[in-house]
């Protein structure tokens, strides 16, 4: 019984770590894309880009809380 419990705990920890890594990778990709967009499009669109980033951050936080 104890072995089963410890296996479940390990599985949960691994899943949480994988989810965290995925979220971090997604955030990094989004930041890189935003930087590229800012450089390509120019400074005029920065306000819109910042708004999009803020929305993405909120979505990521909600996803993390749900998981």
PDB file of N, CA and C in Angstrom:
ATOM      1  N   UNK A   1       0.839  -1.202   0.000  1.00  0.00           N
ATOM      2  CA  UNK A   1       0.000   0.000   0.000  1.00  0.00           C
ATOM      3  C   UNK A   1       0.873   1.251   0.000  1.00  0.00           C
ATOM      4  N   UNK A   2       1.914   1.235   0.840  1.00  0.00           N
ATOM      5  CA  UNK A   2       2.815   2.379   0.914  1.00  0.00           C
ATOM      6  C   UNK A   2       3.543   2.584  -0.410  1.00  0.00           C
ATOM      7  N   UNK A   3       3.932   1.476  -1.045  1.00  0.00           N
ATOM      8  CA  UNK A   3       4.627   1.557  -2.335  1.00  0.00           C
ATOM      9  C   UNK A   3       3.714   2.184  -3.381  1.00  0.00           C
ATOM     10  N   UNK A   4       2.464   1.763  -3.400  1.00  0.00           N
ATOM     11  CA  UNK A   4       1.488   2.307  -4.342  1.00  0.00           C
ATOM     12  C   UNK A   4       1.323   3.809  -4.132  1.00  0.00           C
ATOM     13  N   UNK A   5       1.206   4.209  -2.865  1.00  0.00           N
ATOM     14  CA  UNK A   5       1.054   5.630  -2.536  1.00  0.00           C
ATOM     15  C   UNK A   5       2.262   6.430  -3.018  1.00  0.00           C
ATOM     16  N   UNK A   6       3.467   5.904  -2.762  1.00  0.00           N
ATOM     17  CA  UNK A   6       4.683   6.613  -3.170  1.00  0.00           C
ATOM     18  C   UNK A   6       4.767   6.710  -4.686  1.00  0.00           C
ATOM     19  N   UNK A   7       4.335   5.667  -5.388  1.00  0.00           N
ATOM     20  CA  UNK A   7       4.317   5.711  -6.855  1.00  0.00           C
ATOM     21  C   UNK A   7       3.366   6.791  -7.359  1.00  0.00           C
ATOM     22  N   UNK A   8       2.200   6.896  -6.711  1.00  0.00           N
ATOM     23  CA  UNK A   8       1.229   7.927  -7.090  1.00  0.00           C
ATOM     24  C   UNK A   8       1.823   9.317  -6.864  1.00  0.00           C
ATOM     25  N   UNK A   9       2.475   9.518  -5.724  1.00  0.00           N
ATOM     26  CA  UNK A   9       3.096  10.812  -5.417  1.00  0.00           C
ATOM     27  C   UNK A   9       4.146  11.150  -6.464  1.00  0.00           C
ATOM     28  N   UNK A  10       5.005  10.174  -6.796  1.00  0.00           N
ATOM     29  CA  UNK A  10       6.046  10.399  -7.809  1.00  0.00           C
ATOM     30  C   UNK A  10       5.412  10.756  -9.145  1.00  0.00           C
ATOM     31  N   UNK A  11       4.359  10.050  -9.525  1.00  0.00           N
ATOM     32  CA  UNK A  11       3.677  10.317 -10.794  1.00  0.00           C
ATOM     33  C   UNK A  11       3.125  11.738 -10.824  1.00  0.00           C
ATOM     34  N   UNK A  12       2.498  12.156  -9.728  1.00  0.00           N
ATOM     35  CA  UNK A  12       1.935  13.512  -9.649  1.00  0.00           C
ATOM     36  C   UNK A  12       3.041  14.552  -9.772  1.00  0.00           C
ATOM     37  N   UNK A  13       4.153  14.339  -9.063  1.00  0.00           N
ATOM     38  CA  UNK A  13       5.276  15.284  -9.120  1.00  0.00           C
ATOM     39  C   UNK A  13       5.813  15.384 -10.540  1.00  0.00           C
ATOM     40  N   UNK A  14       5.975  14.240 -11.203  1.00  0.00           N
ATOM     41  CA  UNK A  14       6.487  14.237 -12.581  1.00  0.00           C
ATOM     42  C   UNK A  14       5.545  14.994 -13.503  1.00  0.00           C
ATOM     43  N   UNK A  15       4.243  14.751 -13.369  1.00  0.00           N
ATOM     44  CA  UNK A  15       3.257  15.436 -14.211  1.00  0.00           C
ATOM     45  C   UNK A  15       3.321  16.940 -13.987  1.00  0.00           C
ATOM     46  N   UNK A  16       3.394  17.359 -12.723  1.00  0.00           N
ATOM     47  CA  UNK A  16       3.470  18.790 -12.404  1.00  0.00           C
ATOM     48  C   UNK A  16       4.723  19.402 -13.015  1.00  0.00           C
ATOM     49  N   UNK A  17       5.866  18.704 -12.896  1.00  0.00           N
ATOM     50  CA  UNK A  17       7.108  19.222 -13.467  1.00  0.00           C
ATOM     51  C   UNK A  17       6.997  19.356 -14.982  1.00  0.00           C
ATOM     52  N   UNK A  18       6.412  18.359 -15.627  1.00  0.00           N
ATOM     53  CA  UNK A  18       6.243  18.413 -17.084  1.00  0.00           C
ATOM     54  C   UNK A  18       5.365  19.593 -17.474  1.00  0.00           C
ATOM     55  N   UNK A  19       4.263  19.796 -16.739  1.00  0.00           N
ATOM     56  CA  UNK A  19       3.358  20.912 -17.028  1.00  0.00           C
ATOM     57  C   UNK A  19       4.093  22.241 -16.868  1.00  0.00           C
ATOM     58  N   UNK A  20       4.877  22.370 -15.792  1.00  0.00           N
ATOM     59  CA  UNK A  20       5.631  23.607 -15.559  1.00  0.00           C
ATOM     60  C   UNK A  20       6.607  23.852 -16.702  1.00  0.00           C
ATOM     61  N   UNK A  21       7.324  22.805 -17.119  1.00  0.00           N
ATOM     62  CA  UNK A  21       8.281  22.946 -18.224  1.00  0.00           C
ATOM     63  C   UNK A  21       7.562  23.382 -19.496  1.00  0.00           C
ATOM     64  N   UNK A  22       6.420  22.760 -19.780  1.00  0.00           N
ATOM     65  CA  UNK A  22       5.652  23.115 -20.979  1.00  0.00           C
ATOM     66  C   UNK A  22       5.217  24.573 -20.922  1.00  0.00           C
ATOM     67  N   UNK A  23       4.709  25.010 -19.771  1.00  0.00           N
ATOM     68  CA  UNK A  23       4.267  26.401 -19.616  1.00  0.00           C
ATOM     69  C   UNK A  23       5.437  27.355 -19.828  1.00  0.00           C
ATOM     70  N   UNK A  24       6.601  27.035 -19.233  1.00  0.00           N
ATOM     71  CA  UNK A  24       7.785  27.889 -19.388  1.00  0.00           C
ATOM     72  C   UNK A  24       8.186  27.967 -20.858  1.00  0.00           C
ATOM     73  N   UNK A  25       8.199  26.825 -21.543  1.00  0.00           N
ATOM     74  CA  UNK A  25       8.556  26.808 -22.964  1.00  0.00           C
ATOM     75  C   UNK A  25       7.584  27.661 -23.771  1.00  0.00           C
ATOM     76  N   UNK A  26       6.286  27.528 -23.491  1.00  0.00           N
ATOM     77  CA  UNK A  26       5.276  28.316 -24.203  1.00  0.00           C
ATOM     78  C   UNK A  26       5.507  29.806 -23.976  1.00  0.00           C
ATOM     79  N   UNK A  27       5.767  30.193 -22.725  1.00  0.00           N
ATOM     80  CA  UNK A  27       6.000  31.608 -22.407  1.00  0.00           C
ATOM     81  C   UNK A  27       7.231  32.122 -23.148  1.00  0.00           C
ATOM     82  N   UNK A  28       8.313  31.331 -23.152  1.00  0.00           N
ATOM     83  CA  UNK A  28       9.538  31.744 -23.847  1.00  0.00           C
ATOM     84  C   UNK A  28       9.263  31.921 -25.336  1.00  0.00           C
ATOM     85  N   UNK A  29       8.553  30.965 -25.939  1.00  0.00           N
ATOM     86  CA  UNK A  29       8.222  31.059 -27.366  1.00  0.00           C
ATOM     87  C   UNK A  29       7.400  32.311 -27.643  1.00  0.00           C
ATOM     88  N   UNK A  30       6.404  32.575 -26.790  1.00  0.00           N
ATOM     89  CA  UNK A  30       5.560  33.762 -26.969  1.00  0.00           C
ATOM     90  C   UNK A  30       6.398  35.030 -26.887  1.00  0.00           C
ATOM     91  N   UNK A  31       7.309  35.096 -25.906  1.00  0.00           N
ATOM     92  CA  UNK A  31       8.167  36.278 -25.753  1.00  0.00           C
ATOM     93  C   UNK A  31       9.031  36.466 -26.995  1.00  0.00           C
ATOM     94  N   UNK A  32       9.624  35.379 -27.493  1.00  0.00           N
ATOM     95  CA  UNK A  32      10.465  35.468 -28.693  1.00  0.00           C
ATOM     96  C   UNK A  32       9.647  35.960 -29.881  1.00  0.00           C
ATOM     97  N   UNK A  33       8.451  35.397 -30.055  1.00  0.00           N
ATOM     98  CA  UNK A  33       7.579  35.818 -31.157  1.00  0.00           C
ATOM     99  C   UNK A  33       7.238  37.299 -31.034  1.00  0.00           C
ATOM    100  N   UNK A  34       6.914  37.734 -29.816  1.00  0.00           N
ATOM    101  CA  UNK A  34       6.570  39.145 -29.593  1.00  0.00           C
ATOM    102  C   UNK A  34       7.751  40.045 -29.940  1.00  0.00           C
ATOM    103  N   UNK A  35       8.955  39.651 -29.512  1.00  0.00           N
ATOM    104  CA  UNK A  35      10.150  40.450 -29.815  1.00  0.00           C
ATOM    105  C   UNK A  35      10.346  40.548 -31.321  1.00  0.00           C
ATOM    106  N   UNK A  36      10.213  39.420 -32.016  1.00  0.00           N
ATOM    107  CA  UNK A  36      10.358  39.420 -33.476  1.00  0.00           C
ATOM    108  C   UNK A  36       9.318  40.328 -34.119  1.00  0.00           C
ATOM    109  N   UNK A  37       8.076  40.230 -33.650  1.00  0.00           N
ATOM    110  CA  UNK A  37       6.999  41.064 -34.198  1.00  0.00           C
ATOM    111  C   UNK A  37       7.305  42.539 -33.980  1.00  0.00           C
ATOM    112  N   UNK A  38       7.762  42.884 -32.772  1.00  0.00           N
ATOM    113  CA  UNK A  38       8.082  44.285 -32.471  1.00  0.00           C
ATOM    114  C   UNK A  38       9.182  44.782 -33.399  1.00  0.00           C
ATOM    115  N   UNK A  39      10.208  43.956 -33.593  1.00  0.00           N
ATOM    116  CA  UNK A  39      11.323  44.365 -34.454  1.00  0.00           C
ATOM    117  C   UNK A  39      10.857  44.509 -35.897  1.00  0.00           C
ATOM    118  N   UNK A  40      10.038  43.560 -36.370  1.00  0.00           N
ATOM    119  CA  UNK A  40       9.603  43.566 -37.770  1.00  0.00           C
ATOM    120  C   UNK A  40       8.581  44.673 -38.027  1.00  0.00           C
ATOM    121  N   UNK A  41       7.580  44.758 -37.179  1.00  0.00           N
ATOM    122  CA  UNK A  41       6.472  45.687 -37.412  1.00  0.00           C
ATOM    123  C   UNK A  41       6.860  47.113 -37.043  1.00  0.00           C
ATOM    124  N   UNK A  42       7.674  47.244 -36.006  1.00  0.00           N
ATOM    125  CA  UNK A  42       8.095  48.577 -35.601  1.00  0.00           C
ATOM    126  C   UNK A  42       7.442  49.006 -34.297  1.00  0.00           C
ATOM    127  N   UNK A  43       7.737  50.210 -33.889  1.00  0.00           N
ATOM    128  CA  UNK A  43       7.357  50.681 -32.561  1.00  0.00           C
ATOM    129  C   UNK A  43       5.884  51.034 -32.466  1.00  0.00           C
ATOM    130  N   UNK A  44       5.222  51.243 -33.613  1.00  0.00           N
ATOM    131  CA  UNK A  44       3.829  51.693 -33.609  1.00  0.00           C
ATOM    132  C   UNK A  44       2.919  50.649 -32.974  1.00  0.00           C
ATOM    133  N   UNK A  45       3.242  49.361 -33.221  1.00  0.00           N
ATOM    134  CA  UNK A  45       2.361  48.292 -32.763  1.00  0.00           C
ATOM    135  C   UNK A  45       2.689  47.827 -31.340  1.00  0.00           C
ATOM    136  N   UNK A  46       3.637  48.470 -30.679  1.00  0.00           N
ATOM    137  CA  UNK A  46       4.102  47.998 -29.374  1.00  0.00           C
ATOM    138  C   UNK A  46       2.958  47.934 -28.361  1.00  0.00           C
ATOM    139  N   UNK A  47       2.088  48.934 -28.374  1.00  0.00           N
ATOM    140  CA  UNK A  47       0.983  48.976 -27.412  1.00  0.00           C
ATOM    141  C   UNK A  47       0.088  47.750 -27.583  1.00  0.00           C
ATOM    142  N   UNK A  48      -0.238  47.438 -28.844  1.00  0.00           N
ATOM    143  CA  UNK A  48      -1.064  46.256 -29.109  1.00  0.00           C
ATOM    144  C   UNK A  48      -0.348  44.993 -28.661  1.00  0.00           C
ATOM    145  N   UNK A  49       0.933  44.899 -28.947  1.00  0.00           N
ATOM    146  CA  UNK A  49       1.721  43.721 -28.577  1.00  0.00           C
ATOM    147  C   UNK A  49       1.732  43.552 -27.063  1.00  0.00           C
ATOM    148  N   UNK A  50       1.934  44.655 -26.326  1.00  0.00           N
ATOM    149  CA  UNK A  50       1.931  44.598 -24.866  1.00  0.00           C
ATOM    150  C   UNK A  50       0.585  44.089 -24.362  1.00  0.00           C
ATOM    151  N   UNK A  51      -0.490  44.569 -24.988  1.00  0.00           N
ATOM    152  CA  UNK A  51      -1.827  44.103 -24.612  1.00  0.00           C
ATOM    153  C   UNK A  51      -1.963  42.596 -24.837  1.00  0.00           C
ATOM    154  N   UNK A  52      -1.502  42.126 -25.991  1.00  0.00           N
ATOM    155  CA  UNK A  52      -1.565  40.692 -26.310  1.00  0.00           C
ATOM    156  C   UNK A  52      -0.760  39.895 -25.293  1.00  0.00           C
ATOM    157  N   UNK A  53       0.444  40.382 -24.960  1.00  0.00           N
ATOM    158  CA  UNK A  53       1.285  39.696 -23.978  1.00  0.00           C
ATOM    159  C   UNK A  53       0.563  39.614 -22.637  1.00  0.00           C
ATOM    160  N   UNK A  54      -0.072  40.714 -22.225  1.00  0.00           N
ATOM    161  CA  UNK A  54      -0.803  40.725 -20.959  1.00  0.00           C
ATOM    162  C   UNK A  54      -1.909  39.671 -20.972  1.00  0.00           C
ATOM    163  N   UNK A  55      -2.638  39.579 -22.071  1.00  0.00           N
ATOM    164  CA  UNK A  55      -3.702  38.576 -22.201  1.00  0.00           C
ATOM    165  C   UNK A  55      -3.114  37.174 -22.105  1.00  0.00           C
ATOM    166  N   UNK A  56      -1.997  36.936 -22.813  1.00  0.00           N
ATOM    167  CA  UNK A  56      -1.349  35.622 -22.791  1.00  0.00           C
ATOM    168  C   UNK A  56      -0.922  35.269 -21.371  1.00  0.00           C
ATOM    169  N   UNK A  57      -0.338  36.235 -20.651  1.00  0.00           N
ATOM    170  CA  UNK A  57       0.108  35.993 -19.276  1.00  0.00           C
ATOM    171  C   UNK A  57      -1.074  35.595 -18.397  1.00  0.00           C
ATOM    172  N   UNK A  58      -2.187  36.309 -18.530  1.00  0.00           N
ATOM    173  CA  UNK A  58      -3.380  35.991 -17.741  1.00  0.00           C
ATOM    174  C   UNK A  58      -3.865  34.580 -18.061  1.00  0.00           C
ATOM    175  N   UNK A  59      -3.908  34.235 -19.353  1.00  0.00           N
ATOM    176  CA  UNK A  59      -4.353  32.898 -19.764  1.00  0.00           C
ATOM    177  C   UNK A  59      -3.445  31.833 -19.171  1.00  0.00           C
ATOM    178  N   UNK A  60      -2.123  32.058 -19.243  1.00  0.00           N
ATOM    179  CA  UNK A  60      -1.161  31.094 -18.702  1.00  0.00           C
ATOM    180  C   UNK A  60      -1.378  30.925 -17.200  1.00  0.00           C
ATOM    181  N   UNK A  61      -1.585  32.035 -16.472  1.00  0.00           N
ATOM    182  CA  UNK A  61      -1.818  31.953 -15.027  1.00  0.00           C
ATOM    183  C   UNK A  61      -3.067  31.135 -14.725  1.00  0.00           C
ATOM    184  N   UNK A  62      -4.133  31.362 -15.480  1.00  0.00           N
ATOM    185  CA  UNK A  62      -5.379  30.621 -15.279  1.00  0.00           C
ATOM    186  C   UNK A  62      -5.146  29.139 -15.533  1.00  0.00           C
ATOM    187  N   UNK A  63      -4.434  28.818 -16.624  1.00  0.00           N
ATOM    188  CA  UNK A  63      -4.147  27.416 -16.952  1.00  0.00           C
ATOM    189  C   UNK A  63      -3.357  26.766 -15.825  1.00  0.00           C
ATOM    190  N   UNK A  64      -2.344  27.475 -15.325  1.00  0.00           N
ATOM    191  CA  UNK A  64      -1.520  26.930 -14.239  1.00  0.00           C
ATOM    192  C   UNK A  64      -2.376  26.676 -13.003  1.00  0.00           C
ATOM    193  N   UNK A  65      -3.261  27.615 -12.673  1.00  0.00           N
ATOM    194  CA  UNK A  65      -4.117  27.450 -11.496  1.00  0.00           C
ATOM    195  C   UNK A  65      -5.061  26.264 -11.671  1.00  0.00           C
ATOM    196  N   UNK A  66      -5.605  26.090 -12.863  1.00  0.00           N
ATOM    197  CA  UNK A  66      -6.521  24.978 -13.130  1.00  0.00           C
ATOM    198  C   UNK A  66      -5.785  23.656 -13.004  1.00  0.00           C
ATOM    199  N   UNK A  67      -4.583  23.604 -13.552  1.00  0.00           N
ATOM    200  CA  UNK A  67      -3.788  22.370 -13.484  1.00  0.00           C
ATOM    201  C   UNK A  67      -3.320  22.171 -12.061  1.00  0.00           C
TER     202      UNK A  67
END
